[in-house]
Amino acid sequence: MKRLCMLALCLIFTAGVNAGGDPDAGKQKAAACAACHGSDGNSTNPAWPKLAGQGEKYLAGQMHLFKDKIRVNTLMNLQVENLSERDIQDIAAYFSSQVANSGTANAAKEHQGEKLYKIGERIYRGGNAATGVPACMSCHGPNGYGNVPAQFPRLAGQHAQYTAAQLRAYQSGARYHPEDHLNAMPGIVGYMTEVEIDAVSEYIAGLH
C-alpha cells in the first residue's frame, strides 16, 4: 500500500514538472515570430503586441485560437497553422520567460482639456459606475500584471494602438473566446465609449 502511495505521489510530481513548455526549445522555434514581436517578445511596432512576460497558458491559448481560426488574423493564422502542440507550448514558455519592456503613456493627448491617460486611469482603477463599466484592475491587477492562473493577460506597457484595436475588436464581436469564463471582455467593452477605450489604452501603455 505504501509503495502504491509513493508511486502515485511520484506520478503527480512528474506530471507537474513536465507541465508546460521548454523555453530553450521555444527560443529556436520562435525565430519566425521575431520579425513582428521582436526576438525577446518586445515588439517595436505599435500595431503588434508585446509578448514578453505574458502568461504561458494565455499565450498557448491564443495560439490555439489562431490555429482554430476562432481568432482571425491572416498572418497569425498562417504562422501557427503547422505548429504542433509541443511547438505551441515551447514558444509560449519562451516568450513568457522574457522580461517585458516598460512603455510610456502619451502625455500630449487630451480630451476636453484633460490628459487622456488621466481619464484612462480613472476607468482602469475605478470603472464607470454610471454606465456599468467595471474597473479593469479587478481582473488585470493594479499594476496591469494580469492573473496568470485565471488566464487574464498582462497589460502593463502594452502598445496603446494594439490595446485599443483589441478592445474595439471585442466591442464589434470580431474577437471573443469560446469558453464562457474567458469571454467577459465583449460584455465589458460594450459599455465603453470611444474616448474611454483610447484613454484606458493610453494609461495601460504607461503601466510598469
Protein backbone atom coordinates (compact mmCIF):
# COMPACT_ATOMS: atom_id res chain seq x y z
CA MET A 1 0.00 0.00 0.00
CA LYS A 2 2.85 2.33 0.93
CA ARG A 3 4.54 1.65 -2.43
CA LEU A 4 1.33 2.44 -4.29
CA CYS A 5 1.02 5.74 -2.44
CA MET A 6 4.63 6.61 -3.22
CA LEU A 7 4.10 5.74 -6.89
CA ALA A 8 1.02 7.96 -7.02
CA LEU A 9 2.96 10.85 -5.50
CA CYS A 10 5.79 10.38 -8.00
CA LEU A 11 3.37 10.39 -10.90
CA ILE A 12 1.72 13.58 -9.63
CA PHE A 13 5.10 15.26 -9.12
CA THR A 14 6.34 14.19 -12.55
CA ALA A 15 3.19 15.49 -14.21
CA GLY A 16 3.76 18.86 -12.54
CA VAL A 17 7.39 19.01 -13.62
CA ASN A 18 6.61 18.12 -17.23
CA ALA A 19 3.69 20.53 -17.49
CA GLY A 20 4.17 23.46 -19.83
CA GLY A 21 6.81 24.07 -22.47
CA ASP A 22 10.57 24.28 -22.76
CA PRO A 23 11.71 27.91 -23.12
CA ASP A 24 15.10 26.90 -24.55
CA ALA A 25 13.46 24.88 -27.31
CA GLY A 26 10.93 27.67 -27.73
CA LYS A 27 13.63 30.23 -28.42
CA GLN A 28 14.63 28.36 -31.59
CA LYS A 29 11.04 27.76 -32.64
CA ALA A 30 10.12 31.42 -32.10
CA ALA A 31 12.66 32.68 -34.65
CA ALA A 32 9.91 33.31 -37.19
CA CYS A 33 7.95 35.33 -34.61
CA ALA A 34 10.80 37.84 -34.15
CA ALA A 35 10.01 39.79 -37.31
CA CYS A 36 6.81 41.13 -35.73
CA HIS A 37 7.13 40.53 -32.00
CA GLY A 38 10.88 41.03 -31.51
CA SER A 39 13.41 38.35 -30.67
CA ASP A 40 12.62 38.71 -26.96
CA GLY A 41 8.90 39.36 -27.39
CA ASN A 42 9.16 43.15 -27.10
CA SER A 43 7.74 44.39 -30.37
CA THR A 44 8.64 47.87 -31.60
CA ASN A 45 5.70 48.25 -33.98
CA PRO A 46 2.69 49.60 -32.01
CA ALA A 47 0.31 47.54 -34.15
CA TRP A 48 1.84 44.26 -32.94
CA PRO A 49 1.64 43.14 -29.32
CA LYS A 50 4.42 42.67 -26.83
CA LEU A 51 4.51 39.03 -25.76
CA ALA A 52 7.36 39.15 -23.24
CA GLY A 53 6.31 38.30 -19.70
CA GLN A 54 2.83 37.23 -20.75
CA GLY A 55 1.30 34.21 -19.03
CA GLU A 56 2.36 30.92 -20.62
CA LYS A 57 -1.13 29.39 -20.60
CA TYR A 58 -2.60 32.58 -22.02
CA LEU A 59 -0.11 32.67 -24.89
CA ALA A 60 -0.66 29.00 -25.69
CA GLY A 61 -4.41 29.54 -25.57
CA GLN A 62 -4.25 32.45 -28.01
CA MET A 63 -2.13 30.43 -30.43
CA HIS A 64 -4.76 27.69 -30.31
CA LEU A 65 -7.46 30.27 -31.10
CA PHE A 66 -5.46 31.44 -34.11
CA LYS A 67 -4.79 27.85 -35.19
CA ASP A 68 -8.51 27.03 -34.99
CA LYS A 69 -9.32 30.34 -36.76
CA ILE A 70 -11.56 31.41 -33.90
CA ARG A 71 -9.34 34.44 -33.63
CA VAL A 72 -8.87 35.71 -37.17
CA ASN A 73 -5.71 37.38 -38.38
CA THR A 74 -4.40 36.26 -41.76
CA LEU A 75 -0.73 36.50 -40.79
CA MET A 76 -1.12 34.77 -37.43
CA ASN A 77 -3.45 32.08 -38.79
CA LEU A 78 -0.75 31.13 -41.30
CA GLN A 79 2.07 31.36 -38.75
CA VAL A 80 0.53 28.84 -36.36
CA GLU A 81 -1.09 26.61 -38.96
CA ASN A 82 1.62 23.94 -38.89
CA LEU A 83 2.70 24.25 -35.27
CA SER A 84 2.40 21.10 -33.17
CA GLU A 85 1.09 21.12 -29.62
CA ARG A 86 4.69 20.87 -28.37
CA ASP A 87 5.73 23.81 -30.58
CA ILE A 88 2.93 25.94 -29.15
CA GLN A 89 3.84 25.08 -25.56
CA ASP A 90 7.55 25.72 -26.12
CA ILE A 91 7.03 29.06 -27.88
CA ALA A 92 4.62 30.16 -25.14
CA ALA A 93 7.16 29.16 -22.48
CA TYR A 94 9.92 31.13 -24.20
CA PHE A 95 8.03 34.41 -24.52
CA SER A 96 6.59 34.03 -21.03
CA SER A 97 10.13 33.75 -19.64
CA GLN A 98 11.26 37.04 -21.21
CA VAL A 99 11.23 40.40 -19.44
CA ALA A 100 8.70 42.92 -20.73
CA ASN A 101 9.98 46.39 -21.59
CA SER A 102 8.28 49.35 -19.96
CA GLY A 103 6.06 51.55 -22.09
CA THR A 104 5.10 55.22 -21.91
CA ALA A 105 1.73 56.92 -21.99
CA ASN A 106 1.45 59.80 -24.45
CA ALA A 107 1.05 62.84 -22.20
CA ALA A 108 0.29 65.11 -25.15
CA LYS A 109 -3.06 63.51 -25.92
CA GLU A 110 -6.05 65.26 -24.36
CA HIS A 111 -9.84 65.17 -24.35
CA GLN A 112 -11.74 68.33 -23.49
CA GLY A 113 -8.69 69.80 -21.79
CA GLU A 114 -7.86 66.73 -19.67
CA LYS A 115 -4.94 64.39 -20.23
CA LEU A 116 -6.24 61.26 -21.94
CA TYR A 117 -4.21 58.90 -19.79
CA LYS A 118 -5.68 60.51 -16.65
CA ILE A 119 -9.19 59.69 -17.88
CA GLY A 120 -7.89 56.17 -18.53
CA GLU A 121 -6.51 55.93 -15.02
CA ARG A 122 -9.96 56.64 -13.55
CA ILE A 123 -11.58 53.97 -15.71
CA TYR A 124 -8.81 51.41 -15.13
CA ARG A 125 -8.88 51.84 -11.36
CA GLY A 126 -12.49 52.73 -10.68
CA GLY A 127 -14.54 51.90 -13.76
CA ASN A 128 -17.58 53.97 -14.66
CA ALA A 129 -20.46 53.22 -12.32
CA ALA A 130 -22.84 55.40 -14.34
CA THR A 131 -22.54 53.20 -17.43
CA GLY A 132 -21.70 49.85 -15.84
CA VAL A 133 -18.02 49.67 -16.84
CA PRO A 134 -16.09 47.76 -14.14
CA ALA A 135 -12.58 48.65 -13.05
CA CYS A 136 -10.04 46.99 -15.33
CA MET A 137 -7.74 46.32 -12.39
CA SER A 138 -10.28 43.96 -10.83
CA CYS A 139 -9.14 41.33 -13.35
CA HIS A 140 -5.81 42.63 -14.64
CA GLY A 141 -4.41 43.87 -11.33
CA PRO A 142 -3.48 47.35 -10.07
CA ASN A 143 -0.18 47.27 -11.95
CA GLY A 144 -1.55 45.53 -15.04
CA TYR A 145 0.32 42.27 -14.46
CA GLY A 146 -2.77 40.16 -15.08
CA ASN A 147 -3.85 36.98 -13.32
CA VAL A 148 -1.83 34.01 -14.59
CA PRO A 149 -3.96 31.16 -13.10
CA ALA A 150 -7.15 32.74 -14.46
CA GLN A 151 -5.52 33.42 -17.86
CA PHE A 152 -6.25 37.14 -17.59
CA PRO A 153 -3.42 38.69 -19.65
CA ARG A 154 -0.70 41.08 -18.63
CA LEU A 155 -1.47 44.57 -19.93
CA ALA A 156 1.29 46.71 -18.41
CA GLY A 157 3.36 48.50 -21.04
CA GLN A 158 1.37 47.16 -23.97
CA HIS A 159 1.22 49.41 -27.04
CA ALA A 160 -1.78 51.74 -26.82
CA GLN A 161 -2.57 51.27 -30.52
CA TYR A 162 -2.70 47.50 -30.17
CA THR A 163 -4.77 47.57 -26.96
CA ALA A 164 -7.31 49.97 -28.45
CA ALA A 165 -7.62 47.81 -31.57
CA GLN A 166 -8.30 44.73 -29.47
CA LEU A 167 -10.89 46.48 -27.31
CA ARG A 168 -12.70 47.57 -30.46
CA ALA A 169 -12.48 44.02 -31.82
CA TYR A 170 -14.16 42.76 -28.64
CA GLN A 171 -16.76 45.50 -28.95
CA SER A 172 -17.62 44.59 -32.54
CA GLY A 173 -17.67 40.85 -31.85
CA ALA A 174 -14.67 40.21 -34.11
CA ARG A 175 -12.75 38.88 -31.11
CA TYR A 176 -14.24 36.58 -28.49
CA HIS A 177 -13.41 33.44 -26.54
CA PRO A 178 -15.45 30.26 -26.98
CA GLU A 179 -15.18 29.43 -23.26
CA ASP A 180 -17.72 31.43 -21.26
CA HIS A 181 -15.46 32.05 -18.23
CA LEU A 182 -12.86 33.63 -20.53
CA ASN A 183 -15.31 35.64 -22.60
CA ALA A 184 -16.10 38.57 -20.29
CA MET A 185 -14.46 41.25 -22.44
CA PRO A 186 -17.14 41.66 -25.14
CA GLY A 187 -19.75 42.45 -22.50
CA ILE A 188 -17.47 44.84 -20.62
CA VAL A 189 -16.26 46.79 -23.65
CA GLY A 190 -19.80 47.09 -24.92
CA TYR A 191 -20.39 49.80 -22.31
CA MET A 192 -17.26 51.78 -23.11
CA THR A 193 -17.17 54.91 -25.24
CA GLU A 194 -14.57 55.57 -27.93
CA VAL A 195 -12.87 58.07 -25.64
CA GLU A 196 -12.78 55.58 -22.76
CA ILE A 197 -11.22 52.91 -24.99
CA ASP A 198 -8.48 55.27 -26.16
CA ALA A 199 -7.95 56.62 -22.65
CA VAL A 200 -7.62 53.23 -20.98
CA SER A 201 -5.29 52.04 -23.73
CA GLU A 202 -3.07 55.07 -23.22
CA TYR A 203 -2.97 54.59 -19.46
CA ILE A 204 -2.13 50.90 -19.81
CA ALA A 205 0.83 51.76 -22.06
CA GLY A 206 2.43 53.63 -19.17
CA LEU A 207 1.91 50.94 -16.51
CA HIS A 208 5.02 49.12 -15.35
